[in-house]
Protein backbone atom coordinates (compact mmCIF):
# COMPACT_ATOMS: atom_id res chain seq x y z
CA MET A 1 0.00 0.00 0.00
CA GLN A 2 2.75 2.45 0.98
CA ILE A 3 4.68 1.92 -2.25
CA ARG A 4 1.49 2.28 -4.29
CA LEU A 5 0.76 5.65 -2.68
CA LEU A 6 4.26 6.93 -3.42
CA THR A 7 4.04 5.68 -6.98
CA LYS A 8 0.77 7.57 -7.37
CA GLN A 9 2.25 10.76 -5.88
CA GLN A 10 5.32 10.71 -8.12
CA PRO A 11 3.69 11.59 -11.50
CA MET A 12 1.47 14.20 -9.84
CA LEU A 13 4.47 16.06 -8.47
CA ARG A 14 6.39 15.71 -11.73
CA LYS A 15 3.40 17.28 -13.48
CA ALA A 16 3.24 20.09 -10.91
CA ILE A 17 6.92 20.86 -11.49
CA GLU A 18 6.41 20.82 -15.25
CA ALA A 19 3.63 23.39 -14.85
CA GLN A 20 5.89 25.95 -13.15
CA PRO A 21 5.99 28.74 -15.75
CA ASN A 22 9.22 30.43 -14.67
CA LEU A 23 11.55 27.43 -14.42
CA SER A 24 13.79 26.54 -17.33
CA ALA A 25 13.61 23.11 -18.94
CA ASP A 26 16.83 22.14 -17.17
CA GLU A 27 15.53 23.32 -13.80
CA LYS A 28 12.32 21.32 -14.27
CA LYS A 29 14.29 18.25 -15.30
CA ALA A 30 16.58 18.54 -12.26
CA ALA A 31 13.62 18.90 -9.87
CA GLN A 32 11.83 15.94 -11.44
CA ALA A 33 15.00 13.88 -11.08
CA GLU A 34 15.01 14.77 -7.38
CA VAL A 35 11.42 13.55 -7.11
CA ASP A 36 12.39 10.27 -8.75
CA ALA A 37 15.37 9.89 -6.41
CA ALA A 38 13.21 10.60 -3.35
CA VAL A 39 10.66 8.01 -4.49
CA THR A 40 13.38 5.41 -5.06
CA ALA A 41 14.87 6.10 -1.64
CA ALA A 42 11.47 5.90 0.06
CA LYS A 43 10.62 2.63 -1.65
CA GLY A 44 13.94 1.24 -0.46
CA GLU A 45 13.20 2.20 3.13
CA ILE A 46 9.70 0.75 2.91
CA ALA A 47 11.13 -2.51 1.55
CA LYS A 48 13.46 -2.73 4.55
CA ALA A 49 10.61 -2.34 7.05
CA THR A 50 10.05 -5.33 9.30
CA ASP A 51 6.60 -4.33 10.53
CA PRO A 52 3.70 -2.07 9.46
CA ALA A 53 4.75 0.74 11.79
CA GLN A 54 8.21 0.95 10.21
CA ALA A 55 6.63 0.86 6.76
CA GLN A 56 4.36 3.75 7.72
CA VAL A 57 7.27 5.78 9.07
CA ALA A 58 9.17 5.17 5.83
CA GLU A 59 6.14 6.16 3.76
CA ASP A 60 5.61 9.38 5.71
CA ALA A 61 9.27 10.29 5.42
CA GLY A 62 9.20 9.56 1.70
CA LYS A 63 6.09 11.65 1.08
CA LYS A 64 7.65 14.56 2.98
CA ALA A 65 10.89 14.29 1.00
CA ILE A 66 8.96 14.27 -2.27
CA ALA A 67 6.75 17.19 -1.20
CA ASP A 68 9.83 19.13 -0.15
CA VAL A 69 11.23 18.83 -3.67
CA ALA A 70 7.97 20.17 -5.12
CA LEU A 71 7.96 23.03 -2.60
CA VAL A 72 11.53 24.04 -3.42
CA ALA A 73 10.65 24.03 -7.13
CA ALA A 74 7.57 26.18 -6.48
CA GLN A 75 9.62 28.60 -4.38
CA ALA A 76 12.29 28.86 -7.08
CA ASP A 77 9.59 29.53 -9.66
CA ALA A 78 8.02 32.22 -7.47
CA ASP A 79 11.38 33.89 -6.84
CA LYS A 80 12.03 34.07 -10.57
CA ALA A 81 8.58 35.56 -11.17
CA ILE A 82 9.27 38.23 -8.54
CA ASP A 83 12.63 39.04 -10.12
CA GLN A 84 11.01 39.46 -13.53
CA ALA A 85 8.21 41.63 -12.13
CA ALA A 86 10.81 43.80 -10.39
CA ALA A 87 12.89 44.17 -13.55
CA ASP A 88 9.80 45.17 -15.53
CA ALA A 89 8.73 47.66 -12.86
CA LYS A 90 12.17 49.26 -12.66
CA LYS A 91 12.28 49.59 -16.42
CA ALA A 92 8.86 51.25 -16.43
CA ILE A 93 9.91 53.63 -13.66
CA GLU A 94 13.13 54.54 -15.47
CA ALA A 95 11.11 55.35 -18.59
CA GLN A 96 8.91 57.93 -16.84
CA PRO A 97 9.93 61.19 -18.53
CA ASN A 98 8.81 63.61 -15.84
CA LEU A 99 10.33 62.02 -12.75
CA SER A 100 13.68 63.27 -11.47
CA ALA A 101 16.62 60.93 -11.02
CA ASP A 102 16.04 61.01 -7.25
CA GLU A 103 12.35 60.21 -7.64
CA LYS A 104 13.15 57.28 -9.91
CA LYS A 105 15.78 56.05 -7.48
CA ALA A 106 13.33 56.25 -4.57
CA ALA A 107 10.64 54.35 -6.49
CA GLN A 108 13.12 51.68 -7.52
CA ALA A 109 14.21 51.34 -3.89
CA GLU A 110 10.55 50.69 -3.03
CA VAL A 111 10.54 47.95 -5.66
CA ASP A 112 13.59 46.40 -4.02
CA ALA A 113 11.87 46.51 -0.64
CA ALA A 114 8.79 44.82 -2.10
CA VAL A 115 11.01 42.13 -3.61
CA THR A 116 12.71 41.47 -0.28
CA ALA A 117 9.36 41.22 1.49
CA ALA A 118 7.90 38.93 -1.17
CA LYS A 119 10.87 36.58 -1.16
CA GLY A 120 10.71 36.44 2.62
CA GLU A 121 7.10 35.28 2.42
CA ILE A 122 7.92 32.80 -0.35
CA ALA A 123 10.67 31.32 1.81
CA LYS A 124 8.17 30.84 4.66
CA ALA A 125 5.76 28.86 2.46
CA THR A 126 5.11 25.30 3.57
CA ASP A 127 3.47 24.15 0.34
CA PRO A 128 3.36 25.23 -3.34
CA ALA A 129 -0.01 26.95 -2.91
CA GLN A 130 1.42 29.22 -0.23
CA ALA A 131 4.42 29.97 -2.44
CA GLN A 132 2.05 30.94 -5.25
CA ALA A 133 0.00 33.16 -2.94
CA ALA A 134 3.18 34.92 -1.76
CA GLU A 135 4.26 35.35 -5.38
CA ASP A 136 0.90 36.88 -6.34
CA ALA A 137 0.97 39.27 -3.37
CA GLY A 138 4.55 40.26 -4.15
CA LYS A 139 3.83 40.95 -7.81
CA LYS A 140 0.88 43.13 -6.80
CA ALA A 141 3.03 45.10 -4.33
CA ILE A 142 5.64 45.66 -7.05
CA ALA A 143 2.99 46.67 -9.58
CA ASP A 144 1.54 49.12 -7.05
CA VAL A 145 4.93 50.86 -6.77
CA ALA A 146 5.18 51.14 -10.55
CA LEU A 147 1.62 52.49 -10.73
CA ALA A 148 2.33 55.12 -8.06
CA ALA A 149 5.40 56.23 -10.03
CA ALA A 150 3.37 56.46 -13.24
CA LYS A 151 0.75 58.56 -11.47
CA ALA A 152 3.40 60.87 -10.01
CA ASP A 153 4.84 61.27 -13.50
CA ALA A 154 1.40 62.06 -14.93
CA ASP A 155 0.74 64.62 -12.19
CA LYS A 156 4.00 66.40 -12.98
CA ALA A 157 3.15 66.43 -16.68
CA ILE A 158 -0.27 67.92 -15.90
CA ASP A 159 1.30 70.59 -13.68
CA GLN A 160 3.77 71.54 -16.41
CA ALA A 161 1.04 71.69 -19.05
CA ALA A 162 -1.06 73.89 -16.76
CA ALA A 163 1.84 76.23 -16.06
CA ASP A 164 2.53 76.55 -19.79
CA ALA A 165 -1.15 77.20 -20.54
CA LYS A 166 -1.43 79.87 -17.87
CA LYS A 167 1.71 81.57 -19.14
CA THR A 168 0.30 81.57 -22.67
CA ILE A 169 -3.00 83.04 -21.44
CA GLU A 170 -1.20 85.71 -19.43
CA ALA A 171 0.74 86.73 -22.54
CA GLN A 172 -2.40 87.38 -24.61
CA PRO A 173 -2.32 91.15 -25.21
CA ASN A 174 -6.00 91.63 -26.04
CA LEU A 175 -7.56 89.85 -23.07
CA SER A 176 -8.66 91.79 -20.03
CA ALA A 177 -7.45 90.86 -16.56
CA ASP A 178 -10.84 89.28 -15.82
CA GLU A 179 -10.77 87.28 -19.05
CA LYS A 180 -7.30 86.01 -18.28
CA LYS A 181 -8.38 85.12 -14.76
CA ALA A 182 -11.41 83.23 -16.07
CA ALA A 183 -9.35 81.32 -18.62
CA GLN A 184 -6.77 80.41 -16.01
CA ALA A 185 -9.55 79.22 -13.71
CA GLU A 186 -10.65 76.88 -16.51
CA VAL A 187 -7.10 75.56 -16.64
CA ASP A 188 -7.25 74.90 -12.90
CA ALA A 189 -10.56 73.07 -13.32
CA ALA A 190 -9.06 70.95 -16.09
CA VAL A 191 -6.11 70.11 -13.84
CA THR A 192 -8.44 69.06 -11.03
CA ALA A 193 -10.44 66.87 -13.38
CA ALA A 194 -7.28 65.30 -14.82
CA ARG A 195 -5.92 64.56 -11.36
CA GLY A 196 -9.25 62.96 -10.46
CA GLU A 197 -9.01 60.68 -13.49
CA ASN A 198 -5.43 59.85 -12.53
CA CYS A 199 -6.49 58.83 -9.01
CA GLU A 200 -9.39 56.72 -10.27
CA SER A 201 -7.09 54.77 -12.58
CA ASN A 202 -5.77 52.80 -9.61
């Protein structure tokens, strides 16, 4: 019975490893080889058992060893996904045309902090599902930093456009002071509306 259960678990875990989207073919192959080795070792220990209790102990140890391989593979996959999300976010932040070098650096530091936190949670996972949940939460945290940077960039662009528009209005020689004031108030209203749209895009 114990050997049959391990034999049933083996292809399931190999399939789970194969489904990890961020592992290379070689990484998947290596993890699957570890599963096979753990199954072989467990079957050997079960075969040595001299009573049902020893066989059960060997089965439990074997299942844990096999599950540990699958967990490590899931954690490695999650770590790679976090690294890719961070690289994409940093690239997006760097491309924001209206952020200063210091603002970009600060946003990228936030990405690094999110990566560290996510990998810490991934390392704490006790099964592949927990590793996936930590990966998903980490990717969202990283995406939120990139979104905040994009919004800050958009706000700065709006402010610059408004300043340019007001300057152009002020330079109109045939408008009265009241007309200029009214036109500039319309610019302010447009800025407020644009900022509202920017906030709602979260």
